[in-house]
PDB file of N, CA and C in Angstrom:
ATOM      1  N   MET A   1       9.866 -34.992  -3.426  1.00  0.00           N
ATOM      2  CA  MET A   1      10.356 -33.728  -3.076  1.00  0.00           C
ATOM      3  C   MET A   1       9.005 -33.175  -2.283  1.00  0.00           C
ATOM      4  N   GLU A   2       9.465 -32.499  -1.313  1.00  0.00           N
ATOM      5  CA  GLU A   2       8.236 -32.055  -0.456  1.00  0.00           C
ATOM      6  C   GLU A   2       7.916 -30.684  -0.758  1.00  0.00           C
ATOM      7  N   LEU A   3       6.882 -30.166  -0.632  1.00  0.00           N
ATOM      8  CA  LEU A   3       6.469 -28.745  -0.998  1.00  0.00           C
ATOM      9  C   LEU A   3       6.547 -28.156   0.241  1.00  0.00           C
ATOM     10  N   GLU A   4       7.201 -26.834   0.229  1.00  0.00           N
ATOM     11  CA  GLU A   4       7.082 -25.853   1.170  1.00  0.00           C
ATOM     12  C   GLU A   4       6.168 -25.008   1.224  1.00  0.00           C
ATOM     13  N   TRP A   5       5.263 -24.629   2.254  1.00  0.00           N
ATOM     14  CA  TRP A   5       4.125 -23.797   2.063  1.00  0.00           C
ATOM     15  C   TRP A   5       4.591 -22.380   3.148  1.00  0.00           C
ATOM     16  N   MET A   6       3.967 -21.449   2.441  1.00  0.00           N
ATOM     17  CA  MET A   6       4.189 -20.145   3.058  1.00  0.00           C
ATOM     18  C   MET A   6       3.461 -20.036   4.540  1.00  0.00           C
ATOM     19  N   ALA A   7       4.228 -19.497   5.547  1.00  0.00           N
ATOM     20  CA  ALA A   7       3.495 -19.143   6.661  1.00  0.00           C
ATOM     21  C   ALA A   7       3.051 -18.129   6.874  1.00  0.00           C
ATOM     22  N   TRP A   8       1.713 -17.832   6.821  1.00  0.00           N
ATOM     23  CA  TRP A   8       0.929 -16.668   6.707  1.00  0.00           C
ATOM     24  C   TRP A   8       0.709 -16.186   8.105  1.00  0.00           C
ATOM     25  N   THR A   9       1.101 -15.047   8.542  1.00  0.00           N
ATOM     26  CA  THR A   9       0.740 -14.506   9.780  1.00  0.00           C
ATOM     27  C   THR A   9      -0.466 -13.550   9.665  1.00  0.00           C
ATOM     28  N   LEU A  10      -1.078 -13.336  10.685  1.00  0.00           N
ATOM     29  CA  LEU A  10      -2.091 -12.358  10.782  1.00  0.00           C
ATOM     30  C   LEU A  10      -1.925 -10.885  10.141  1.00  0.00           C
ATOM     31  N   PRO A  11      -0.743 -10.295  10.572  1.00  0.00           N
ATOM     32  CA  PRO A  11      -0.295  -9.263   9.908  1.00  0.00           C
ATOM     33  C   PRO A  11      -0.313  -9.119   8.394  1.00  0.00           C
ATOM     34  N   THR A  12       0.419 -10.407   7.815  1.00  0.00           N
ATOM     35  CA  THR A  12       0.511 -10.605   6.167  1.00  0.00           C
ATOM     36  C   THR A  12      -0.784 -10.582   5.951  1.00  0.00           C
ATOM     37  N   ALA A  13      -1.677 -11.260   6.345  1.00  0.00           N
ATOM     38  CA  ALA A  13      -2.891 -11.702   5.839  1.00  0.00           C
ATOM     39  C   ALA A  13      -3.813 -10.263   5.692  1.00  0.00           C
ATOM     40  N   VAL A  14      -3.817  -9.539   6.821  1.00  0.00           N
ATOM     41  CA  VAL A  14      -4.379  -8.332   6.633  1.00  0.00           C
ATOM     42  C   VAL A  14      -3.943  -7.313   5.792  1.00  0.00           C
ATOM     43  N   PHE A  15      -2.462  -7.231   5.579  1.00  0.00           N
ATOM     44  CA  PHE A  15      -1.714  -6.503   4.586  1.00  0.00           C
ATOM     45  C   PHE A  15      -2.263  -6.808   3.275  1.00  0.00           C
ATOM     46  N   PHE A  16      -2.277  -8.080   2.729  1.00  0.00           N
ATOM     47  CA  PHE A  16      -2.744  -8.387   1.477  1.00  0.00           C
ATOM     48  C   PHE A  16      -4.360  -8.205   1.514  1.00  0.00           C
ATOM     49  N   CYS A  17      -5.150  -8.353   2.416  1.00  0.00           N
ATOM     50  CA  CYS A  17      -6.512  -8.154   2.279  1.00  0.00           C
ATOM     51  C   CYS A  17      -6.749  -6.735   2.062  1.00  0.00           C
ATOM     52  N   VAL A  18      -5.935  -5.760   2.982  1.00  0.00           N
ATOM     53  CA  VAL A  18      -6.198  -4.485   2.654  1.00  0.00           C
ATOM     54  C   VAL A  18      -5.921  -4.036   1.135  1.00  0.00           C
ATOM     55  N   ILE A  19      -4.751  -4.568   0.711  1.00  0.00           N
ATOM     56  CA  ILE A  19      -4.378  -4.224  -0.768  1.00  0.00           C
ATOM     57  C   ILE A  19      -5.724  -4.574  -1.716  1.00  0.00           C
ATOM     58  N   ALA A  20      -6.294  -5.902  -1.595  1.00  0.00           N
ATOM     59  CA  ALA A  20      -7.234  -6.291  -2.317  1.00  0.00           C
ATOM     60  C   ALA A  20      -8.387  -5.379  -2.460  1.00  0.00           C
ATOM     61  N   LEU A  21      -8.781  -4.938  -1.162  1.00  0.00           N
ATOM     62  CA  LEU A  21      -9.752  -4.078  -0.761  1.00  0.00           C
ATOM     63  C   LEU A  21      -9.696  -2.574  -1.526  1.00  0.00           C
ATOM     64  N   LEU A  22      -8.506  -2.206  -1.487  1.00  0.00           N
ATOM     65  CA  LEU A  22      -8.034  -0.960  -2.159  1.00  0.00           C
ATOM     66  C   LEU A  22      -8.148  -0.939  -3.641  1.00  0.00           C
ATOM     67  N   LEU A  23      -7.788  -2.143  -4.018  1.00  0.00           N
ATOM     68  CA  LEU A  23      -7.664  -2.240  -5.509  1.00  0.00           C
ATOM     69  C   LEU A  23      -9.180  -2.246  -5.979  1.00  0.00           C
ATOM     70  N   CYS A  24     -10.076  -2.937  -5.448  1.00  0.00           N
ATOM     71  CA  CYS A  24     -11.418  -2.987  -5.558  1.00  0.00           C
ATOM     72  C   CYS A  24     -12.202  -1.552  -5.495  1.00  0.00           C
ATOM     73  N   ALA A  25     -12.022  -1.073  -4.450  1.00  0.00           N
ATOM     74  CA  ALA A  25     -12.430   0.364  -4.164  1.00  0.00           C
ATOM     75  C   ALA A  25     -11.991   1.356  -5.404  1.00  0.00           C
ATOM     76  N   MET A  26     -10.863   1.355  -5.558  1.00  0.00           N
ATOM     77  CA  MET A  26     -10.058   2.203  -6.322  1.00  0.00           C
ATOM     78  C   MET A  26     -10.901   2.071  -7.980  1.00  0.00           C
ATOM     79  N   THR A  27     -10.950   0.814  -8.215  1.00  0.00           N
ATOM     80  CA  THR A  27     -11.598   0.496  -9.494  1.00  0.00           C
ATOM     81  C   THR A  27     -13.152   1.091  -9.483  1.00  0.00           C
ATOM     82  N   ILE A  28     -13.921   0.826  -8.632  1.00  0.00           N
ATOM     83  CA  ILE A  28     -15.485   1.403  -8.633  1.00  0.00           C
ATOM     84  C   ILE A  28     -15.253   2.923  -8.464  1.00  0.00           C
ATOM     85  N   TRP A  29     -14.313   3.570  -7.765  1.00  0.00           N
ATOM     86  CA  TRP A  29     -14.219   5.094  -7.512  1.00  0.00           C
ATOM     87  C   TRP A  29     -13.880   5.340  -9.046  1.00  0.00           C
ATOM     88  N   GLN A  30     -13.112   4.865  -9.834  1.00  0.00           N
ATOM     89  CA  GLN A  30     -12.511   5.265 -11.088  1.00  0.00           C
ATOM     90  C   GLN A  30     -13.752   5.160 -12.045  1.00  0.00           C
ATOM     91  N   VAL A  31     -14.640   4.104 -12.080  1.00  0.00           N
ATOM     92  CA  VAL A  31     -15.296   3.682 -12.987  1.00  0.00           C
ATOM     93  C   VAL A  31     -16.673   5.040 -12.680  1.00  0.00           C
ATOM     94  N   MET A  32     -17.047   5.051 -11.467  1.00  0.00           N
ATOM     95  CA  MET A  32     -18.085   5.971 -10.991  1.00  0.00           C
ATOM     96  C   MET A  32     -17.804   7.476 -11.141  1.00  0.00           C
ATOM     97  N   GLN A  33     -16.500   7.968 -10.876  1.00  0.00           N
ATOM     98  CA  GLN A  33     -15.999   9.478 -10.969  1.00  0.00           C
ATOM     99  C   GLN A  33     -14.648   9.493 -11.614  1.00  0.00           C
ATOM    100  N   PRO A  34     -14.548   9.231 -12.917  1.00  0.00           N
ATOM    101  CA  PRO A  34     -13.141   9.434 -13.541  1.00  0.00           C
ATOM    102  C   PRO A  34     -12.355  10.739 -13.091  1.00  0.00           C
ATOM    103  N   ALA A  35     -11.119  10.571 -13.016  1.00  0.00           N
ATOM    104  CA  ALA A  35     -10.342  11.580 -12.622  1.00  0.00           C
ATOM    105  C   ALA A  35      -9.232  11.878 -13.451  1.00  0.00           C
ATOM    106  N   GLY A  36      -8.507  13.063 -13.779  1.00  0.00           N
ATOM    107  CA  GLY A  36      -7.481  13.175 -14.484  1.00  0.00           C
ATOM    108  C   GLY A  36      -6.073  13.255 -13.712  1.00  0.00           C
ATOM    109  N   GLU A  37      -5.181  13.588 -14.055  1.00  0.00           N
ATOM    110  CA  GLU A  37      -3.800  13.819 -13.326  1.00  0.00           C
ATOM    111  C   GLU A  37      -3.746  15.173 -12.741  1.00  0.00           C
ATOM    112  N   ARG A  38      -2.872  15.221 -11.603  1.00  0.00           N
ATOM    113  CA  ARG A  38      -2.631  16.424 -10.760  1.00  0.00           C
ATOM    114  C   ARG A  38      -1.339  16.224 -10.110  1.00  0.00           C
ATOM    115  N   ARG A  39      -0.739  17.479 -10.036  1.00  0.00           N
ATOM    116  CA  ARG A  39       0.528  17.582  -9.323  1.00  0.00           C
ATOM    117  C   ARG A  39       0.399  17.683  -7.832  1.00  0.00           C
ATOM    118  N   GLY A  40       1.130  17.305  -6.981  1.00  0.00           N
ATOM    119  CA  GLY A  40       0.935  17.378  -5.752  1.00  0.00           C
ATOM    120  C   GLY A  40       2.244  17.349  -5.015  1.00  0.00           C
ATOM    121  N   LEU A  41       2.556  16.544  -3.975  1.00  0.00           N
ATOM    122  CA  LEU A  41       3.996  16.454  -3.348  1.00  0.00           C
ATOM    123  C   LEU A  41       4.985  15.765  -4.126  1.00  0.00           C
ATOM    124  N   LEU A  42       4.476  14.843  -4.935  1.00  0.00           N
ATOM    125  CA  LEU A  42       5.281  14.159  -5.828  1.00  0.00           C
ATOM    126  C   LEU A  42       5.826  14.858  -6.947  1.00  0.00           C
ATOM    127  N   PRO A  43       7.072  14.869  -7.423  1.00  0.00           N
ATOM    128  CA  PRO A  43       7.659  15.680  -8.557  1.00  0.00           C
ATOM    129  C   PRO A  43       6.876  15.543  -9.941  1.00  0.00           C
ATOM    130  N   ILE A  44       6.027  14.601 -10.107  1.00  0.00           N
ATOM    131  CA  ILE A  44       5.492  14.203 -11.086  1.00  0.00           C
ATOM    132  C   ILE A  44       3.851  14.279 -11.351  1.00  0.00           C
ATOM    133  N   ALA A  45       3.295  14.572 -12.531  1.00  0.00           N
ATOM    134  CA  ALA A  45       1.516  14.751 -12.349  1.00  0.00           C
ATOM    135  C   ALA A  45       1.244  13.331 -12.240  1.00  0.00           C
ATOM    136  N   THR A  46       0.432  12.829 -11.411  1.00  0.00           N
ATOM    137  CA  THR A  46      -0.370  11.490 -11.140  1.00  0.00           C
ATOM    138  C   THR A  46      -1.624  11.498 -11.100  1.00  0.00           C
ATOM    139  N   SER A  47      -2.125  10.254 -11.549  1.00  0.00           N
ATOM    140  CA  SER A  47      -3.669   9.983 -11.225  1.00  0.00           C
ATOM    141  C   SER A  47      -3.845   9.100  -9.919  1.00  0.00           C
ATOM    142  N   ARG A  48      -5.113   8.956  -9.454  1.00  0.00           N
ATOM    143  CA  ARG A  48      -5.280   8.265  -8.365  1.00  0.00           C
ATOM    144  C   ARG A  48      -4.505   7.064  -8.465  1.00  0.00           C
ATOM    145  N   GLY A  49      -4.924   6.166  -9.431  1.00  0.00           N
ATOM    146  CA  GLY A  49      -4.108   4.880  -9.589  1.00  0.00           C
ATOM    147  C   GLY A  49      -2.596   4.697  -9.646  1.00  0.00           C
ATOM    148  N   ASP A  50      -1.889   6.061 -10.162  1.00  0.00           N
ATOM    149  CA  ASP A  50      -0.631   6.040  -9.979  1.00  0.00           C
ATOM    150  C   ASP A  50      -0.114   6.274  -8.469  1.00  0.00           C
ATOM    151  N   ARG A  51      -0.897   7.024  -7.806  1.00  0.00           N
ATOM    152  CA  ARG A  51      -0.563   7.278  -6.534  1.00  0.00           C
ATOM    153  C   ARG A  51      -0.702   5.914  -5.681  1.00  0.00           C
ATOM    154  N   LEU A  52      -1.824   5.311  -5.929  1.00  0.00           N
ATOM    155  CA  LEU A  52      -2.100   4.013  -5.206  1.00  0.00           C
ATOM    156  C   LEU A  52      -0.928   2.902  -5.320  1.00  0.00           C
ATOM    157  N   PHE A  53      -0.469   2.944  -6.760  1.00  0.00           N
ATOM    158  CA  PHE A  53       0.809   2.091  -7.035  1.00  0.00           C
ATOM    159  C   PHE A  53       1.826   2.452  -6.373  1.00  0.00           C
ATOM    160  N   ILE A  54       2.285   3.637  -6.394  1.00  0.00           N
ATOM    161  CA  ILE A  54       3.449   4.249  -5.654  1.00  0.00           C
ATOM    162  C   ILE A  54       3.146   3.805  -4.183  1.00  0.00           C
ATOM    163  N   GLY A  55       2.008   4.290  -3.603  1.00  0.00           N
ATOM    164  CA  GLY A  55       1.726   3.933  -2.300  1.00  0.00           C
ATOM    165  C   GLY A  55       1.936   2.448  -1.873  1.00  0.00           C
ATOM    166  N   LEU A  56       1.542   1.578  -2.631  1.00  0.00           N
ATOM    167  CA  LEU A  56       1.673   0.174  -2.481  1.00  0.00           C
ATOM    168  C   LEU A  56       3.167  -0.221  -2.445  1.00  0.00           C
ATOM    169  N   LEU A  57       3.942   0.078  -3.404  1.00  0.00           N
ATOM    170  CA  LEU A  57       5.167   0.071  -3.379  1.00  0.00           C
ATOM    171  C   LEU A  57       5.951   0.550  -2.127  1.00  0.00           C
ATOM    172  N   GLY A  58       5.569   1.703  -1.885  1.00  0.00           N
ATOM    173  CA  GLY A  58       6.244   2.335  -0.874  1.00  0.00           C
ATOM    174  C   GLY A  58       5.873   1.495   0.638  1.00  0.00           C
ATOM    175  N   SER A  59       4.584   1.060   0.648  1.00  0.00           N
ATOM    176  CA  SER A  59       4.168   0.096   1.923  1.00  0.00           C
ATOM    177  C   SER A  59       4.946  -1.084   1.905  1.00  0.00           C
ATOM    178  N   ALA A  60       5.134  -1.674   0.726  1.00  0.00           N
ATOM    179  CA  ALA A  60       6.023  -2.903   0.536  1.00  0.00           C
ATOM    180  C   ALA A  60       7.343  -2.545   1.178  1.00  0.00           C
ATOM    181  N   TYR A  61       8.059  -1.671   0.897  1.00  0.00           N
ATOM    182  CA  TYR A  61       9.460  -1.407   1.247  1.00  0.00           C
ATOM    183  C   TYR A  61       9.309  -0.993   2.467  1.00  0.00           C
ATOM    184  N   ILE A  62       8.182  -0.444   3.205  1.00  0.00           N
ATOM    185  CA  ILE A  62       8.310  -0.130   4.574  1.00  0.00           C
ATOM    186  C   ILE A  62       8.342  -1.385   5.399  1.00  0.00           C
ATOM    187  N   HIS A  63       7.531  -2.359   4.921  1.00  0.00           N
ATOM    188  CA  HIS A  63       7.594  -3.584   5.706  1.00  0.00           C
ATOM    189  C   HIS A  63       8.877  -4.374   5.563  1.00  0.00           C
ATOM    190  N   LEU A  64       9.203  -4.519   4.197  1.00  0.00           N
ATOM    191  CA  LEU A  64      10.525  -5.064   4.166  1.00  0.00           C
ATOM    192  C   LEU A  64      11.678  -4.425   5.166  1.00  0.00           C
ATOM    193  N   ALA A  65      11.835  -3.107   4.946  1.00  0.00           N
ATOM    194  CA  ALA A  65      12.756  -2.541   6.134  1.00  0.00           C
ATOM    195  C   ALA A  65      12.393  -2.730   7.242  1.00  0.00           C
ATOM    196  N   TRP A  66      11.201  -2.771   7.725  1.00  0.00           N
ATOM    197  CA  TRP A  66      10.906  -2.843   9.122  1.00  0.00           C
ATOM    198  C   TRP A  66      11.338  -4.350   9.572  1.00  0.00           C
ATOM    199  N   ILE A  67      11.002  -5.285   8.652  1.00  0.00           N
ATOM    200  CA  ILE A  67      11.350  -6.965   8.977  1.00  0.00           C
ATOM    201  C   ILE A  67      12.942  -6.826   8.924  1.00  0.00           C
ATOM    202  N   GLY A  68      13.557  -6.459   8.271  1.00  0.00           N
ATOM    203  CA  GLY A  68      14.988  -6.289   7.984  1.00  0.00           C
ATOM    204  C   GLY A  68      15.866  -5.442   9.171  1.00  0.00           C
ATOM    205  N   LEU A  69      15.439  -4.441   9.629  1.00  0.00           N
ATOM    206  CA  LEU A  69      16.016  -3.525  10.279  1.00  0.00           C
ATOM    207  C   LEU A  69      15.631  -3.442  11.757  1.00  0.00           C
ATOM    208  N   SER A  70      14.560  -3.817  11.923  1.00  0.00           N
ATOM    209  CA  SER A  70      13.878  -3.583  13.373  1.00  0.00           C
ATOM    210  C   SER A  70      13.302  -4.902  13.981  1.00  0.00           C
ATOM    211  N   GLY A  71      13.513  -5.036  15.143  1.00  0.00           N
ATOM    212  CA  GLY A  71      12.889  -6.222  15.894  1.00  0.00           C
ATOM    213  C   GLY A  71      11.553  -5.912  16.486  1.00  0.00           C
ATOM    214  N   ALA A  72      11.118  -4.798  16.176  1.00  0.00           N
ATOM    215  CA  ALA A  72       9.775  -4.394  17.096  1.00  0.00           C
ATOM    216  C   ALA A  72       8.705  -5.232  16.043  1.00  0.00           C
ATOM    217  N   ASN A  73       7.591  -5.128  16.767  1.00  0.00           N
ATOM    218  CA  ASN A  73       6.226  -5.830  16.270  1.00  0.00           C
ATOM    219  C   ASN A  73       5.849  -5.023  14.716  1.00  0.00           C
ATOM    220  N   ILE A  74       5.441  -6.073  13.996  1.00  0.00           N
ATOM    221  CA  ILE A  74       5.204  -5.692  12.738  1.00  0.00           C
ATOM    222  C   ILE A  74       3.995  -4.857  12.454  1.00  0.00           C
ATOM    223  N   TRP A  75       3.219  -5.119  13.618  1.00  0.00           N
ATOM    224  CA  TRP A  75       1.870  -3.999  13.413  1.00  0.00           C
ATOM    225  C   TRP A  75       2.290  -2.638  13.390  1.00  0.00           C
ATOM    226  N   TRP A  76       3.539  -2.238  13.885  1.00  0.00           N
ATOM    227  CA  TRP A  76       3.848  -0.663  13.669  1.00  0.00           C
ATOM    228  C   TRP A  76       4.000  -0.471  12.330  1.00  0.00           C
ATOM    229  N   ALA A  77       4.808  -1.436  11.558  1.00  0.00           N
ATOM    230  CA  ALA A  77       4.869  -1.164  10.132  1.00  0.00           C
ATOM    231  C   ALA A  77       3.498  -0.997   9.439  1.00  0.00           C
ATOM    232  N   LEU A  78       2.710  -1.685   9.930  1.00  0.00           N
ATOM    233  CA  LEU A  78       1.387  -1.679   9.078  1.00  0.00           C
ATOM    234  C   LEU A  78       0.547  -0.180   9.400  1.00  0.00           C
ATOM    235  N   GLY A  79       0.893   0.233  10.696  1.00  0.00           N
ATOM    236  CA  GLY A  79       0.285   1.405  10.857  1.00  0.00           C
ATOM    237  C   GLY A  79       0.952   2.369  10.370  1.00  0.00           C
ATOM    238  N   ILE A  80       2.349   2.528  10.099  1.00  0.00           N
ATOM    239  CA  ILE A  80       3.136   3.451   9.120  1.00  0.00           C
ATOM    240  C   ILE A  80       2.703   3.472   7.710  1.00  0.00           C
ATOM    241  N   SER A  81       2.602   2.132   7.451  1.00  0.00           N
ATOM    242  CA  SER A  81       2.159   2.133   5.944  1.00  0.00           C
ATOM    243  C   SER A  81       0.738   2.699   5.540  1.00  0.00           C
ATOM    244  N   ILE A  82      -0.152   2.504   6.697  1.00  0.00           N
ATOM    245  CA  ILE A  82      -1.450   3.262   6.690  1.00  0.00           C
ATOM    246  C   ILE A  82      -1.225   4.763   6.508  1.00  0.00           C
ATOM    247  N   LEU A  83      -0.625   5.216   7.248  1.00  0.00           N
ATOM    248  CA  LEU A  83      -0.414   6.631   7.418  1.00  0.00           C
ATOM    249  C   LEU A  83       0.256   7.290   6.098  1.00  0.00           C
ATOM    250  N   PHE A  84       1.138   6.532   5.689  1.00  0.00           N
ATOM    251  CA  PHE A  84       1.811   6.863   4.305  1.00  0.00           C
ATOM    252  C   PHE A  84       0.970   6.767   3.331  1.00  0.00           C
ATOM    253  N   MET A  85       0.048   5.791   3.032  1.00  0.00           N
ATOM    254  CA  MET A  85      -0.906   5.869   2.146  1.00  0.00           C
ATOM    255  C   MET A  85      -1.876   6.799   1.994  1.00  0.00           C
ATOM    256  N   ILE A  86      -2.421   7.190   3.261  1.00  0.00           N
ATOM    257  CA  ILE A  86      -3.288   8.315   3.345  1.00  0.00           C
ATOM    258  C   ILE A  86      -2.675   9.460   2.667  1.00  0.00           C
ATOM    259  N   ALA A  87      -1.440   9.917   3.298  1.00  0.00           N
ATOM    260  CA  ALA A  87      -0.684  11.085   3.096  1.00  0.00           C
ATOM    261  C   ALA A  87      -0.396  11.105   1.410  1.00  0.00           C
ATOM    262  N   LEU A  88      -0.196  10.149   1.076  1.00  0.00           N
ATOM    263  CA  LEU A  88       0.131  10.055  -0.529  1.00  0.00           C
ATOM    264  C   LEU A  88      -1.086  10.115  -1.433  1.00  0.00           C
ATOM    265  N   MET A  89      -2.022   9.497  -0.885  1.00  0.00           N
ATOM    266  CA  MET A  89      -3.410   9.608  -1.699  1.00  0.00           C
ATOM    267  C   MET A  89      -3.930  11.082  -1.372  1.00  0.00           C
ATOM    268  N   ARG A  90      -3.752  11.649  -0.403  1.00  0.00           N
ATOM    269  CA  ARG A  90      -4.401  13.106  -0.165  1.00  0.00           C
ATOM    270  C   ARG A  90      -3.524  14.185  -0.550  1.00  0.00           C
ATOM    271  N   TRP A  91      -2.203  14.140  -0.565  1.00  0.00           N
ATOM    272  CA  TRP A  91      -1.405  15.136  -0.830  1.00  0.00           C
ATOM    273  C   TRP A  91      -0.307  14.977  -1.810  1.00  0.00           C
ATOM    274  N   GLY A  92      -0.262  13.495  -2.346  1.00  0.00           N
ATOM    275  CA  GLY A  92       0.888  13.267  -3.272  1.00  0.00           C
ATOM    276  C   GLY A  92       0.433  13.608  -4.576  1.00  0.00           C
TER     277      GLY A  92
END
């Protein structure tokens, strides 16, 4: 039986590297400056970690929808995901 390897593209690698960096940065930020929950645009009270998790899920859905519904370059999905994360972390 032959093993199948995942074909990593540059946008996919960038996406997962950004996720790893975000997780590290948020961990350091939470240790240095603990924060409580707050209400924003989301209908629930969320902490920074909650908003990061929701943002990462949303970014994954944006990428999956982009791949499934659009034939355009995936770099656009990465840009939209970044804007989504910034908005969610700031006002979510």
